[in-house]
Structures are given as C-alpha cells and as structure tokens.
Amino acid sequence: MNKAEIWLDKPIYVGMSMLDLAKTIYDFQYNYLAGRFGEKFTTCYTDTDYVIVEIREQDPYEAMIKDCHQYFDTSDYPKENIYGIPQVNKKVLGMMKDETND
C-alpha cells in the first residue's frame, strides 16, 4: 500500500470564510442584540452560520424597522408585509436575515 501525501501549500479559504462568518454573527449577537435588548435577550442556540435567540417583552420587528439599513437584509419580505419592514440590503455581505419571515 502506498502512502498518500497531501500538500497544504495553498491557503484554506473555506476555513477562513467560516471563521469570518462566525465572528460576524458573534459581533451581531453580543454588540447589537445584547446591547439593544439587554436582559430581555437570550441566546438559545448558535453555530458557525446562524444564531437562534429569544427576545422577551419587546417586538423584535420594531427594532428591525429602525435598524434595517445598518444590520439586516430584508429583501425576502414581501413589499406589503404586516410589519411594515422595507426591502433593503439585498445580498449584502455581513447583513443578518430573518429566516422566519413567511
């Protein structure tokens, strides 16, 4: 049986991209969500590419309306949605998306 050799002489971009994504989510979670909602915010689950949070006693959609241009990609919302959230930041890197907007 021959030995297999693997040459790691090129940067591993996938690992770097995932680390950057995890850092972006961490920054959003602790600098935006915790700062905006304080004690009313709890992290339920997190992974390298998403975070699930619980926000109590406040409407998170009101915060999204106020901060959508800076933090959120709301382009998947219908134009006439019940929350009044505008469609902004389509496919902008580093913006957070609401995956439950159906």
PDB file of N, CA and C in Angstrom:
ATOM      1  N   MET A   1       0.834  -1.178   0.000  1.00  0.00           N
ATOM      2  CA  MET A   1       0.000   0.000   0.000  1.00  0.00           C
ATOM      3  C   MET A   1       0.881   1.244   0.000  1.00  0.00           C
ATOM      4  N   ASN A   2       0.607   2.154  -0.883  1.00  0.00           N
ATOM      5  CA  ASN A   2       1.393   3.379  -0.988  1.00  0.00           C
ATOM      6  C   ASN A   2       0.904   4.425  -0.006  1.00  0.00           C
ATOM      7  N   LYS A   3       1.839   5.223   0.468  1.00  0.00           N
ATOM      8  CA  LYS A   3       1.469   6.332   1.345  1.00  0.00           C
ATOM      9  C   LYS A   3       0.892   7.466   0.506  1.00  0.00           C
ATOM     10  N   ALA A   4      -0.172   8.023   0.965  1.00  0.00           N
ATOM     11  CA  ALA A   4      -0.745   9.191   0.288  1.00  0.00           C
ATOM     12  C   ALA A   4      -0.135  10.448   0.890  1.00  0.00           C
ATOM     13  N   GLU A   5       0.190  11.384   0.041  1.00  0.00           N
ATOM     14  CA  GLU A   5       0.739  12.648   0.514  1.00  0.00           C
ATOM     15  C   GLU A   5      -0.222  13.770   0.164  1.00  0.00           C
ATOM     16  N   ILE A   6      -0.412  14.648   1.101  1.00  0.00           N
ATOM     17  CA  ILE A   6      -1.257  15.817   0.888  1.00  0.00           C
ATOM     18  C   ILE A   6      -0.398  17.052   1.099  1.00  0.00           C
ATOM     19  N   TRP A   7      -0.366  17.905   0.105  1.00  0.00           N
ATOM     20  CA  TRP A   7       0.396  19.153   0.215  1.00  0.00           C
ATOM     21  C   TRP A   7      -0.565  20.282   0.552  1.00  0.00           C
ATOM     22  N   LEU A   8      -0.371  20.895   1.685  1.00  0.00           N
ATOM     23  CA  LEU A   8      -1.167  22.057   2.083  1.00  0.00           C
ATOM     24  C   LEU A   8      -0.323  23.310   1.838  1.00  0.00           C
ATOM     25  N   ASP A   9      -0.108  23.612   0.559  1.00  0.00           N
ATOM     26  CA  ASP A   9       0.720  24.760   0.221  1.00  0.00           C
ATOM     27  C   ASP A   9      -0.091  25.956  -0.279  1.00  0.00           C
ATOM     28  N   LYS A  10      -1.399  25.879  -0.171  1.00  0.00           N
ATOM     29  CA  LYS A  10      -2.279  26.984  -0.551  1.00  0.00           C
ATOM     30  C   LYS A  10      -3.151  27.337   0.651  1.00  0.00           C
ATOM     31  N   PRO A  11      -3.564  28.603   0.762  1.00  0.00           N
ATOM     32  CA  PRO A  11      -4.437  28.982   1.893  1.00  0.00           C
ATOM     33  C   PRO A  11      -5.762  28.223   1.854  1.00  0.00           C
ATOM     34  N   ILE A  12      -6.268  27.936   3.001  1.00  0.00           N
ATOM     35  CA  ILE A  12      -7.548  27.244   3.103  1.00  0.00           C
ATOM     36  C   ILE A  12      -8.626  28.312   3.265  1.00  0.00           C
ATOM     37  N   TYR A  13      -9.173  28.764   2.143  1.00  0.00           N
ATOM     38  CA  TYR A  13     -10.111  29.880   2.137  1.00  0.00           C
ATOM     39  C   TYR A  13     -11.442  29.532   2.775  1.00  0.00           C
ATOM     40  N   VAL A  14     -11.876  28.306   2.645  1.00  0.00           N
ATOM     41  CA  VAL A  14     -13.162  27.924   3.229  1.00  0.00           C
ATOM     42  C   VAL A  14     -13.121  28.089   4.738  1.00  0.00           C
ATOM     43  N   GLY A  15     -12.063  27.623   5.365  1.00  0.00           N
ATOM     44  CA  GLY A  15     -11.938  27.767   6.813  1.00  0.00           C
ATOM     45  C   GLY A  15     -11.893  29.217   7.231  1.00  0.00           C
ATOM     46  N   MET A  16     -11.196  30.041   6.462  1.00  0.00           N
ATOM     47  CA  MET A  16     -11.124  31.466   6.775  1.00  0.00           C
ATOM     48  C   MET A  16     -12.494  32.116   6.632  1.00  0.00           C
ATOM     49  N   SER A  17     -13.241  31.735   5.599  1.00  0.00           N
ATOM     50  CA  SER A  17     -14.568  32.306   5.378  1.00  0.00           C
ATOM     51  C   SER A  17     -15.522  31.935   6.505  1.00  0.00           C
ATOM     52  N   MET A  18     -15.484  30.683   6.932  1.00  0.00           N
ATOM     53  CA  MET A  18     -16.361  30.253   8.023  1.00  0.00           C
ATOM     54  C   MET A  18     -16.009  30.965   9.321  1.00  0.00           C
ATOM     55  N   LEU A  19     -14.728  31.173   9.568  1.00  0.00           N
ATOM     56  CA  LEU A  19     -14.314  31.888  10.764  1.00  0.00           C
ATOM     57  C   LEU A  19     -14.778  33.339  10.714  1.00  0.00           C
ATOM     58  N   ASP A  20     -14.672  33.975   9.549  1.00  0.00           N
ATOM     59  CA  ASP A  20     -15.162  35.348   9.406  1.00  0.00           C
ATOM     60  C   ASP A  20     -16.670  35.418   9.623  1.00  0.00           C
ATOM     61  N   LEU A  21     -17.397  34.441   9.103  1.00  0.00           N
ATOM     62  CA  LEU A  21     -18.843  34.395   9.296  1.00  0.00           C
ATOM     63  C   LEU A  21     -19.189  34.226  10.771  1.00  0.00           C
ATOM     64  N   ALA A  22     -18.498  33.338  11.453  1.00  0.00           N
ATOM     65  CA  ALA A  22     -18.740  33.123  12.884  1.00  0.00           C
ATOM     66  C   ALA A  22     -18.444  34.392  13.676  1.00  0.00           C
ATOM     67  N   LYS A  23     -17.384  35.115  13.307  1.00  0.00           N
ATOM     68  CA  LYS A  23     -17.053  36.367  14.003  1.00  0.00           C
ATOM     69  C   LYS A  23     -18.115  37.432  13.767  1.00  0.00           C
ATOM     70  N   THR A  24     -18.653  37.490  12.557  1.00  0.00           N
ATOM     71  CA  THR A  24     -19.711  38.455  12.244  1.00  0.00           C
ATOM     72  C   THR A  24     -20.959  38.167  13.070  1.00  0.00           C
ATOM     73  N   ILE A  25     -21.339  36.903  13.168  1.00  0.00           N
ATOM     74  CA  ILE A  25     -22.514  36.529  13.959  1.00  0.00           C
ATOM     75  C   ILE A  25     -22.277  36.801  15.442  1.00  0.00           C
ATOM     76  N   TYR A  26     -21.098  36.494  15.933  1.00  0.00           N
ATOM     77  CA  TYR A  26     -20.751  36.758  17.333  1.00  0.00           C
ATOM     78  C   TYR A  26     -20.834  38.256  17.628  1.00  0.00           C
ATOM     79  N   ASP A  27     -20.294  39.069  16.735  1.00  0.00           N
ATOM     80  CA  ASP A  27     -20.335  40.523  16.904  1.00  0.00           C
ATOM     81  C   ASP A  27     -21.778  41.025  16.924  1.00  0.00           C
ATOM     82  N   PHE A  28     -22.602  40.541  15.998  1.00  0.00           N
ATOM     83  CA  PHE A  28     -24.012  40.929  15.949  1.00  0.00           C
ATOM     84  C   PHE A  28     -24.728  40.517  17.227  1.00  0.00           C
ATOM     85  N   GLN A  29     -24.466  39.318  17.687  1.00  0.00           N
ATOM     86  CA  GLN A  29     -25.132  38.780  18.869  1.00  0.00           C
ATOM     87  C   GLN A  29     -24.796  39.583  20.126  1.00  0.00           C
ATOM     88  N   TYR A  30     -23.530  39.848  20.350  1.00  0.00           N
ATOM     89  CA  TYR A  30     -23.126  40.479  21.609  1.00  0.00           C
ATOM     90  C   TYR A  30     -23.069  41.997  21.558  1.00  0.00           C
ATOM     91  N   ASN A  31     -22.812  42.569  20.404  1.00  0.00           N
ATOM     92  CA  ASN A  31     -22.748  44.026  20.339  1.00  0.00           C
ATOM     93  C   ASN A  31     -24.072  44.660  19.952  1.00  0.00           C
ATOM     94  N   TYR A  32     -24.851  44.010  19.099  1.00  0.00           N
ATOM     95  CA  TYR A  32     -26.140  44.584  18.722  1.00  0.00           C
ATOM     96  C   TYR A  32     -27.280  44.043  19.586  1.00  0.00           C
ATOM     97  N   LEU A  33     -27.516  42.726  19.529  1.00  0.00           N
ATOM     98  CA  LEU A  33     -28.671  42.159  20.233  1.00  0.00           C
ATOM     99  C   LEU A  33     -28.595  42.363  21.746  1.00  0.00           C
ATOM    100  N   ALA A  34     -27.466  42.037  22.343  1.00  0.00           N
ATOM    101  CA  ALA A  34     -27.340  42.188  23.798  1.00  0.00           C
ATOM    102  C   ALA A  34     -27.392  43.659  24.196  1.00  0.00           C
ATOM    103  N   GLY A  35     -26.815  44.528  23.379  1.00  0.00           N
ATOM    104  CA  GLY A  35     -26.863  45.960  23.678  1.00  0.00           C
ATOM    105  C   GLY A  35     -28.250  46.543  23.501  1.00  0.00           C
ATOM    106  N   ARG A  36     -28.981  46.076  22.509  1.00  0.00           N
ATOM    107  CA  ARG A  36     -30.311  46.613  22.198  1.00  0.00           C
ATOM    108  C   ARG A  36     -31.381  46.077  23.147  1.00  0.00           C
ATOM    109  N   PHE A  37     -31.304  44.784  23.481  1.00  0.00           N
ATOM    110  CA  PHE A  37     -32.363  44.153  24.265  1.00  0.00           C
ATOM    111  C   PHE A  37     -31.963  43.833  25.701  1.00  0.00           C
ATOM    112  N   GLY A  38     -30.691  43.872  26.023  1.00  0.00           N
ATOM    113  CA  GLY A  38     -30.216  43.676  27.394  1.00  0.00           C
ATOM    114  C   GLY A  38     -30.677  42.378  28.026  1.00  0.00           C
ATOM    115  N   GLU A  39     -31.310  42.485  29.183  1.00  0.00           N
ATOM    116  CA  GLU A  39     -31.777  41.319  29.944  1.00  0.00           C
ATOM    117  C   GLU A  39     -32.923  40.581  29.256  1.00  0.00           C
ATOM    118  N   LYS A  40     -33.558  41.213  28.279  1.00  0.00           N
ATOM    119  CA  LYS A  40     -34.704  40.607  27.595  1.00  0.00           C
ATOM    120  C   LYS A  40     -34.278  39.736  26.419  1.00  0.00           C
ATOM    121  N   PHE A  41     -32.981  39.519  26.292  1.00  0.00           N
ATOM    122  CA  PHE A  41     -32.409  38.765  25.178  1.00  0.00           C
ATOM    123  C   PHE A  41     -31.690  37.529  25.710  1.00  0.00           C
ATOM    124  N   THR A  42     -31.968  36.358  25.114  1.00  0.00           N
ATOM    125  CA  THR A  42     -31.307  35.114  25.495  1.00  0.00           C
ATOM    126  C   THR A  42     -30.896  34.362  24.233  1.00  0.00           C
ATOM    127  N   THR A  43     -29.678  33.849  24.225  1.00  0.00           N
ATOM    128  CA  THR A  43     -29.230  33.003  23.125  1.00  0.00           C
ATOM    129  C   THR A  43     -29.699  31.580  23.398  1.00  0.00           C
ATOM    130  N   CYS A  44     -30.479  31.016  22.487  1.00  0.00           N
ATOM    131  CA  CYS A  44     -30.962  29.641  22.643  1.00  0.00           C
ATOM    132  C   CYS A  44     -29.992  28.639  22.030  1.00  0.00           C
ATOM    133  N   TYR A  45     -29.484  28.968  20.835  1.00  0.00           N
ATOM    134  CA  TYR A  45     -28.575  28.054  20.140  1.00  0.00           C
ATOM    135  C   TYR A  45     -27.754  28.855  19.144  1.00  0.00           C
ATOM    136  N   THR A  46     -26.502  28.485  18.983  1.00  0.00           N
ATOM    137  CA  THR A  46     -25.657  29.146  17.993  1.00  0.00           C
ATOM    138  C   THR A  46     -24.756  28.124  17.313  1.00  0.00           C
ATOM    139  N   ASP A  47     -24.403  28.419  16.084  1.00  0.00           N
ATOM    140  CA  ASP A  47     -23.492  27.600  15.299  1.00  0.00           C
ATOM    141  C   ASP A  47     -22.637  28.566  14.484  1.00  0.00           C
ATOM    142  N   THR A  48     -21.797  28.051  13.610  1.00  0.00           N
ATOM    143  CA  THR A  48     -20.919  28.949  12.858  1.00  0.00           C
ATOM    144  C   THR A  48     -21.661  29.807  11.848  1.00  0.00           C
ATOM    145  N   ASP A  49     -22.855  29.400  11.426  1.00  0.00           N
ATOM    146  CA  ASP A  49     -23.538  30.171  10.394  1.00  0.00           C
ATOM    147  C   ASP A  49     -24.938  30.655  10.782  1.00  0.00           C
ATOM    148  N   TYR A  50     -25.352  30.496  12.022  1.00  0.00           N
ATOM    149  CA  TYR A  50     -26.631  31.060  12.449  1.00  0.00           C
ATOM    150  C   TYR A  50     -26.712  31.126  13.966  1.00  0.00           C
ATOM    151  N   VAL A  51     -27.697  31.885  14.427  1.00  0.00           N
ATOM    152  CA  VAL A  51     -27.958  32.000  15.862  1.00  0.00           C
ATOM    153  C   VAL A  51     -29.474  32.017  16.059  1.00  0.00           C
ATOM    154  N   ILE A  52     -29.944  31.326  17.080  1.00  0.00           N
ATOM    155  CA  ILE A  52     -31.360  31.330  17.442  1.00  0.00           C
ATOM    156  C   ILE A  52     -31.463  32.024  18.789  1.00  0.00           C
ATOM    157  N   VAL A  53     -32.284  33.071  18.848  1.00  0.00           N
ATOM    158  CA  VAL A  53     -32.398  33.860  20.072  1.00  0.00           C
ATOM    159  C   VAL A  53     -33.852  33.972  20.507  1.00  0.00           C
ATOM    160  N   GLU A  54     -34.019  34.296  21.774  1.00  0.00           N
ATOM    161  CA  GLU A  54     -35.340  34.592  22.330  1.00  0.00           C
ATOM    162  C   GLU A  54     -35.310  36.040  22.798  1.00  0.00           C
ATOM    163  N   ILE A  55     -36.307  36.812  22.381  1.00  0.00           N
ATOM    164  CA  ILE A  55     -36.433  38.208  22.812  1.00  0.00           C
ATOM    165  C   ILE A  55     -37.776  38.331  23.508  1.00  0.00           C
ATOM    166  N   ARG A  56     -37.740  38.741  24.760  1.00  0.00           N
ATOM    167  CA  ARG A  56     -38.945  38.828  25.577  1.00  0.00           C
ATOM    168  C   ARG A  56     -39.369  40.282  25.771  1.00  0.00           C
ATOM    169  N   GLU A  57     -40.663  40.489  25.869  1.00  0.00           N
ATOM    170  CA  GLU A  57     -41.279  41.762  26.255  1.00  0.00           C
ATOM    171  C   GLU A  57     -41.027  42.911  25.288  1.00  0.00           C
ATOM    172  N   GLN A  58     -40.462  42.651  24.132  1.00  0.00           N
ATOM    173  CA  GLN A  58     -40.281  43.675  23.113  1.00  0.00           C
ATOM    174  C   GLN A  58     -40.555  43.054  21.754  1.00  0.00           C
ATOM    175  N   ASP A  59     -40.969  43.882  20.820  1.00  0.00           N
ATOM    176  CA  ASP A  59     -41.218  43.412  19.466  1.00  0.00           C
ATOM    177  C   ASP A  59     -39.927  43.518  18.654  1.00  0.00           C
ATOM    178  N   PRO A  60     -39.324  42.394  18.265  1.00  0.00           N
ATOM    179  CA  PRO A  60     -38.068  42.464  17.506  1.00  0.00           C
ATOM    180  C   PRO A  60     -38.241  43.116  16.137  1.00  0.00           C
ATOM    181  N   TYR A  61     -39.459  43.090  15.592  1.00  0.00           N
ATOM    182  CA  TYR A  61     -39.688  43.691  14.280  1.00  0.00           C
ATOM    183  C   TYR A  61     -39.627  45.216  14.343  1.00  0.00           C
ATOM    184  N   GLU A  62     -39.956  45.807  15.481  1.00  0.00           N
ATOM    185  CA  GLU A  62     -39.787  47.256  15.641  1.00  0.00           C
ATOM    186  C   GLU A  62     -38.310  47.623  15.570  1.00  0.00           C
ATOM    187  N   ALA A  63     -37.467  46.815  16.192  1.00  0.00           N
ATOM    188  CA  ALA A  63     -36.019  47.047  16.126  1.00  0.00           C
ATOM    189  C   ALA A  63     -35.511  46.852  14.699  1.00  0.00           C
ATOM    190  N   MET A  64     -36.047  45.858  13.989  1.00  0.00           N
ATOM    191  CA  MET A  64     -35.630  45.635  12.601  1.00  0.00           C
ATOM    192  C   MET A  64     -35.991  46.821  11.719  1.00  0.00           C
ATOM    193  N   ILE A  65     -37.160  47.410  11.932  1.00  0.00           N
ATOM    194  CA  ILE A  65     -37.565  48.569  11.140  1.00  0.00           C
ATOM    195  C   ILE A  65     -36.606  49.727  11.375  1.00  0.00           C
ATOM    196  N   LYS A  66     -36.248  49.964  12.628  1.00  0.00           N
ATOM    197  CA  LYS A  66     -35.353  51.084  12.956  1.00  0.00           C
ATOM    198  C   LYS A  66     -33.933  50.848  12.459  1.00  0.00           C
ATOM    199  N   ASP A  67     -33.463  49.609  12.523  1.00  0.00           N
ATOM    200  CA  ASP A  67     -32.058  49.318  12.241  1.00  0.00           C
ATOM    201  C   ASP A  67     -31.832  48.523  10.958  1.00  0.00           C
ATOM    202  N   CYS A  68     -32.841  48.402  10.103  1.00  0.00           N
ATOM    203  CA  CYS A  68     -32.716  47.516   8.942  1.00  0.00           C
ATOM    204  C   CYS A  68     -31.633  47.963   7.966  1.00  0.00           C
ATOM    205  N   HIS A  69     -31.417  49.247   7.804  1.00  0.00           N
ATOM    206  CA  HIS A  69     -30.417  49.708   6.835  1.00  0.00           C
ATOM    207  C   HIS A  69     -28.995  49.392   7.288  1.00  0.00           C
ATOM    208  N   GLN A  70     -28.791  49.251   8.591  1.00  0.00           N
ATOM    209  CA  GLN A  70     -27.450  49.020   9.118  1.00  0.00           C
ATOM    210  C   GLN A  70     -27.139  47.539   9.367  1.00  0.00           C
ATOM    211  N   TYR A  71     -28.134  46.739   9.737  1.00  0.00           N
ATOM    212  CA  TYR A  71     -27.859  45.374  10.197  1.00  0.00           C
ATOM    213  C   TYR A  71     -28.542  44.247   9.426  1.00  0.00           C
ATOM    214  N   PHE A  72     -29.613  44.516   8.689  1.00  0.00           N
ATOM    215  CA  PHE A  72     -30.449  43.428   8.175  1.00  0.00           C
ATOM    216  C   PHE A  72     -30.604  43.440   6.657  1.00  0.00           C
ATOM    217  N   ASP A  73     -30.682  42.236   6.086  1.00  0.00           N
ATOM    218  CA  ASP A  73     -31.088  42.037   4.695  1.00  0.00           C
ATOM    219  C   ASP A  73     -32.556  41.640   4.757  1.00  0.00           C
ATOM    220  N   THR A  74     -33.421  42.567   4.407  1.00  0.00           N
ATOM    221  CA  THR A  74     -34.862  42.322   4.491  1.00  0.00           C
ATOM    222  C   THR A  74     -35.481  42.170   3.105  1.00  0.00           C
ATOM    223  N   SER A  75     -34.673  41.840   2.121  1.00  0.00           N
ATOM    224  CA  SER A  75     -35.152  41.773   0.738  1.00  0.00           C
ATOM    225  C   SER A  75     -36.120  40.617   0.486  1.00  0.00           C
ATOM    226  N   ASP A  76     -36.153  39.612   1.346  1.00  0.00           N
ATOM    227  CA  ASP A  76     -37.075  38.487   1.157  1.00  0.00           C
ATOM    228  C   ASP A  76     -38.479  38.757   1.690  1.00  0.00           C
ATOM    229  N   TYR A  77     -38.664  39.853   2.397  1.00  0.00           N
ATOM    230  CA  TYR A  77     -40.003  40.204   2.866  1.00  0.00           C
ATOM    231  C   TYR A  77     -40.842  40.679   1.685  1.00  0.00           C
ATOM    232  N   PRO A  78     -42.136  40.380   1.682  1.00  0.00           N
ATOM    233  CA  PRO A  78     -42.994  40.941   0.633  1.00  0.00           C
ATOM    234  C   PRO A  78     -43.039  42.469   0.764  1.00  0.00           C
ATOM    235  N   LYS A  79     -43.292  43.151  -0.350  1.00  0.00           N
ATOM    236  CA  LYS A  79     -43.361  44.624  -0.291  1.00  0.00           C
ATOM    237  C   LYS A  79     -44.421  45.087   0.701  1.00  0.00           C
ATOM    238  N   GLU A  80     -45.546  44.427   0.698  1.00  0.00           N
ATOM    239  CA  GLU A  80     -46.639  44.771   1.614  1.00  0.00           C
ATOM    240  C   GLU A  80     -46.677  43.744   2.743  1.00  0.00           C
ATOM    241  N   ASN A  81     -45.727  43.818   3.688  1.00  0.00           N
ATOM    242  CA  ASN A  81     -45.725  42.862   4.799  1.00  0.00           C
ATOM    243  C   ASN A  81     -46.426  43.462   6.012  1.00  0.00           C
ATOM    244  N   ILE A  82     -46.868  42.622   6.924  1.00  0.00           N
ATOM    245  CA  ILE A  82     -47.672  43.080   8.062  1.00  0.00           C
ATOM    246  C   ILE A  82     -46.869  43.893   9.069  1.00  0.00           C
ATOM    247  N   TYR A  83     -45.539  43.827   8.987  1.00  0.00           N
ATOM    248  CA  TYR A  83     -44.701  44.552   9.942  1.00  0.00           C
ATOM    249  C   TYR A  83     -44.298  45.931   9.436  1.00  0.00           C
ATOM    250  N   GLY A  84     -44.452  46.169   8.140  1.00  0.00           N
ATOM    251  CA  GLY A  84     -44.039  47.441   7.557  1.00  0.00           C
ATOM    252  C   GLY A  84     -42.535  47.553   7.372  1.00  0.00           C
ATOM    253  N   ILE A  85     -41.856  46.427   7.235  1.00  0.00           N
ATOM    254  CA  ILE A  85     -40.399  46.413   7.072  1.00  0.00           C
ATOM    255  C   ILE A  85     -40.064  46.657   5.601  1.00  0.00           C
ATOM    256  N   PRO A  86     -39.213  47.641   5.300  1.00  0.00           N
ATOM    257  CA  PRO A  86     -38.837  47.897   3.905  1.00  0.00           C
ATOM    258  C   PRO A  86     -37.878  46.834   3.376  1.00  0.00           C
ATOM    259  N   GLN A  87     -37.854  46.668   2.064  1.00  0.00           N
ATOM    260  CA  GLN A  87     -36.934  45.724   1.428  1.00  0.00           C
ATOM    261  C   GLN A  87     -35.607  46.438   1.170  1.00  0.00           C
ATOM    262  N   VAL A  88     -34.572  46.073   1.925  1.00  0.00           N
ATOM    263  CA  VAL A  88     -33.261  46.719   1.783  1.00  0.00           C
ATOM    264  C   VAL A  88     -32.137  45.687   1.860  1.00  0.00           C
ATOM    265  N   ASN A  89     -30.955  46.090   1.422  1.00  0.00           N
ATOM    266  CA  ASN A  89     -29.697  45.330   1.549  1.00  0.00           C
ATOM    267  C   ASN A  89     -29.741  43.945   0.905  1.00  0.00           C
ATOM    268  N   LYS A  90     -30.287  43.852  -0.283  1.00  0.00           N
ATOM    269  CA  LYS A  90     -30.369  42.552  -0.962  1.00  0.00           C
ATOM    270  C   LYS A  90     -28.970  42.025  -1.267  1.00  0.00           C
ATOM    271  N   LYS A  91     -28.674  40.836  -0.744  1.00  0.00           N
ATOM    272  CA  LYS A  91     -27.410  40.119  -0.970  1.00  0.00           C
ATOM    273  C   LYS A  91     -26.175  40.889  -0.494  1.00  0.00           C
ATOM    274  N   VAL A  92     -26.315  41.767   0.487  1.00  0.00           N
ATOM    275  CA  VAL A  92     -25.169  42.495   1.038  1.00  0.00           C
ATOM    276  C   VAL A  92     -24.484  41.603   2.072  1.00  0.00           C
ATOM    277  N   LEU A  93     -23.180  41.406   1.911  1.00  0.00           N
ATOM    278  CA  LEU A  93     -22.437  40.553   2.832  1.00  0.00           C
ATOM    279  C   LEU A  93     -22.422  41.138   4.234  1.00  0.00           C
ATOM    280  N   GLY A  94     -22.553  40.278   5.228  1.00  0.00           N
ATOM    281  CA  GLY A  94     -22.485  40.699   6.621  1.00  0.00           C
ATOM    282  C   GLY A  94     -23.807  41.138   7.218  1.00  0.00           C
ATOM    283  N   MET A  95     -24.876  41.169   6.431  1.00  0.00           N
ATOM    284  CA  MET A  95     -26.190  41.549   6.947  1.00  0.00           C
ATOM    285  C   MET A  95     -26.912  40.306   7.458  1.00  0.00           C
ATOM    286  N   MET A  96     -27.700  40.476   8.503  1.00  0.00           N
ATOM    287  CA  MET A  96     -28.445  39.370   9.094  1.00  0.00           C
ATOM    288  C   MET A  96     -29.800  39.235   8.404  1.00  0.00           C
ATOM    289  N   LYS A  97     -30.284  37.999   8.311  1.00  0.00           N
ATOM    290  CA  LYS A  97     -31.560  37.700   7.673  1.00  0.00           C
ATOM    291  C   LYS A  97     -32.501  37.049   8.666  1.00  0.00           C
ATOM    292  N   ASP A  98     -33.773  37.359   8.540  1.00  0.00           N
ATOM    293  CA  ASP A  98     -34.809  36.695   9.322  1.00  0.00           C
ATOM    294  C   ASP A  98     -35.279  35.494   8.510  1.00  0.00           C
ATOM    295  N   GLU A  99     -34.955  34.304   8.963  1.00  0.00           N
ATOM    296  CA  GLU A  99     -35.312  33.092   8.227  1.00  0.00           C
ATOM    297  C   GLU A  99     -36.749  32.651   8.497  1.00  0.00           C
ATOM    298  N   THR A 100     -37.471  33.378   9.325  1.00  0.00           N
ATOM    299  CA  THR A 100     -38.851  33.010   9.659  1.00  0.00           C
ATOM    300  C   THR A 100     -39.842  34.033   9.124  1.00  0.00           C
ATOM    301  N   ASN A 101     -39.533  34.675   8.023  1.00  0.00           N
ATOM    302  CA  ASN A 101     -40.376  35.765   7.540  1.00  0.00           C
ATOM    303  C   ASN A 101     -41.557  35.320   6.684  1.00  0.00           C
ATOM    304  N   ASP A 102     -41.877  34.054   6.652  1.00  0.00           N
ATOM    305  CA  ASP A 102     -43.016  33.572   5.848  1.00  0.00           C
ATOM    306  C   ASP A 102     -44.329  33.882   6.503  1.00  0.00           C
TER     307      ASP A 102
END
